[in-house]
Amino acid sequence: MQKIARLLQVTALAIPPMAMIAELSGNIKAGKMLSFLFVSACLFGIGYLLQQYTNPKL
């Protein structure tokens, strides 16, 4: 479960640069880039919560 949480976080950190590059090259519009950034933030949050859930601090 911990590895899945880390994978979600790493994936979420990889999405924004790719979305920015795609927007700057003209492949997508700014609205689409913002939706990718929103999805990225959600994935990172889910990964963080999953990590906290599987490794609670005592």
C-alpha atoms as a PDB file:
ATOM      1  CA  MET A   1       0.000   0.000   0.000  1.00  0.00           C
ATOM      2  CA  GLN A   2       2.904   2.304   0.788  1.00  0.00           C
ATOM      3  CA  LYS A   3       4.347   1.778  -2.703  1.00  0.00           C
ATOM      4  CA  ILE A   4       1.011   2.637  -4.315  1.00  0.00           C
ATOM      5  CA  ALA A   5       0.881   5.862  -2.311  1.00  0.00           C
ATOM      6  CA  ARG A   6       4.411   6.792  -3.411  1.00  0.00           C
ATOM      7  CA  LEU A   7       3.593   5.911  -7.021  1.00  0.00           C
ATOM      8  CA  LEU A   8       0.569   8.229  -6.930  1.00  0.00           C
ATOM      9  CA  GLN A   9       2.691  11.033  -5.508  1.00  0.00           C
ATOM     10  CA  VAL A  10       5.484  10.612  -8.063  1.00  0.00           C
ATOM     11  CA  THR A  11       2.958  10.436 -10.900  1.00  0.00           C
ATOM     12  CA  ALA A  12       1.302  13.594  -9.610  1.00  0.00           C
ATOM     13  CA  LEU A  13       4.660  15.380  -9.577  1.00  0.00           C
ATOM     14  CA  ALA A  14       5.392  14.309 -13.165  1.00  0.00           C
ATOM     15  CA  ILE A  15       2.116  15.576 -14.653  1.00  0.00           C
ATOM     16  CA  PRO A  16       2.527  19.388 -14.222  1.00  0.00           C
ATOM     17  CA  PRO A  17       5.785  19.759 -16.181  1.00  0.00           C
ATOM     18  CA  MET A  18       4.385  17.668 -19.026  1.00  0.00           C
ATOM     19  CA  ALA A  19       1.167  19.724 -19.034  1.00  0.00           C
ATOM     20  CA  MET A  20       3.128  22.977 -19.098  1.00  0.00           C
ATOM     21  CA  ILE A  21       5.324  21.789 -21.957  1.00  0.00           C
ATOM     22  CA  ALA A  22       2.255  20.681 -23.924  1.00  0.00           C
ATOM     23  CA  GLU A  23       0.576  24.055 -23.352  1.00  0.00           C
ATOM     24  CA  LEU A  24       3.671  26.039 -24.313  1.00  0.00           C
ATOM     25  CA  SER A  25       4.104  24.028 -27.505  1.00  0.00           C
ATOM     26  CA  GLY A  26       0.492  24.711 -28.435  1.00  0.00           C
ATOM     27  CA  ASN A  27      -0.784  21.138 -28.229  1.00  0.00           C
ATOM     28  CA  ILE A  28      -3.358  21.941 -25.528  1.00  0.00           C
ATOM     29  CA  LYS A  29      -5.060  25.108 -24.318  1.00  0.00           C
ATOM     30  CA  ALA A  30      -4.628  26.748 -20.928  1.00  0.00           C
ATOM     31  CA  GLY A  31      -7.941  25.386 -19.634  1.00  0.00           C
ATOM     32  CA  LYS A  32      -6.869  21.819 -20.349  1.00  0.00           C
ATOM     33  CA  MET A  33      -3.531  22.464 -18.652  1.00  0.00           C
ATOM     34  CA  LEU A  34      -5.309  23.712 -15.545  1.00  0.00           C
ATOM     35  CA  SER A  35      -7.482  20.601 -15.465  1.00  0.00           C
ATOM     36  CA  PHE A  36      -4.324  18.462 -15.643  1.00  0.00           C
ATOM     37  CA  LEU A  37      -2.891  20.452 -12.733  1.00  0.00           C
ATOM     38  CA  PHE A  38      -6.101  19.918 -10.749  1.00  0.00           C
ATOM     39  CA  VAL A  39      -5.978  16.163 -11.400  1.00  0.00           C
ATOM     40  CA  SER A  40      -2.333  16.178 -10.376  1.00  0.00           C
ATOM     41  CA  ALA A  41      -3.129  17.900  -7.075  1.00  0.00           C
ATOM     42  CA  CYS A  42      -5.917  15.397  -6.407  1.00  0.00           C
ATOM     43  CA  LEU A  43      -3.642  12.428  -7.135  1.00  0.00           C
ATOM     44  CA  PHE A  44      -0.970  13.810  -4.841  1.00  0.00           C
ATOM     45  CA  GLY A  45      -3.526  14.378  -2.086  1.00  0.00           C
ATOM     46  CA  ILE A  46      -4.874  10.848  -2.416  1.00  0.00           C
ATOM     47  CA  GLY A  47      -1.339   9.467  -2.324  1.00  0.00           C
ATOM     48  CA  TYR A  48      -0.525  11.530   0.749  1.00  0.00           C
ATOM     49  CA  LEU A  49      -3.675  10.452   2.574  1.00  0.00           C
ATOM     50  CA  LEU A  50      -3.071   6.826   1.649  1.00  0.00           C
ATOM     51  CA  GLN A  51       0.468   7.072   2.946  1.00  0.00           C
ATOM     52  CA  GLN A  52      -0.736   8.572   6.223  1.00  0.00           C
ATOM     53  CA  TYR A  53      -3.435   5.917   6.527  1.00  0.00           C
ATOM     54  CA  THR A  54      -1.020   3.018   6.038  1.00  0.00           C
ATOM     55  CA  ASN A  55       1.631   4.470   8.339  1.00  0.00           C
ATOM     56  CA  PRO A  56      -0.202   6.246  11.199  1.00  0.00           C
ATOM     57  CA  LYS A  57       1.893   8.113  13.719  1.00  0.00           C
ATOM     58  CA  LEU A  58       1.478   6.868  17.254  1.00  0.00           C
END
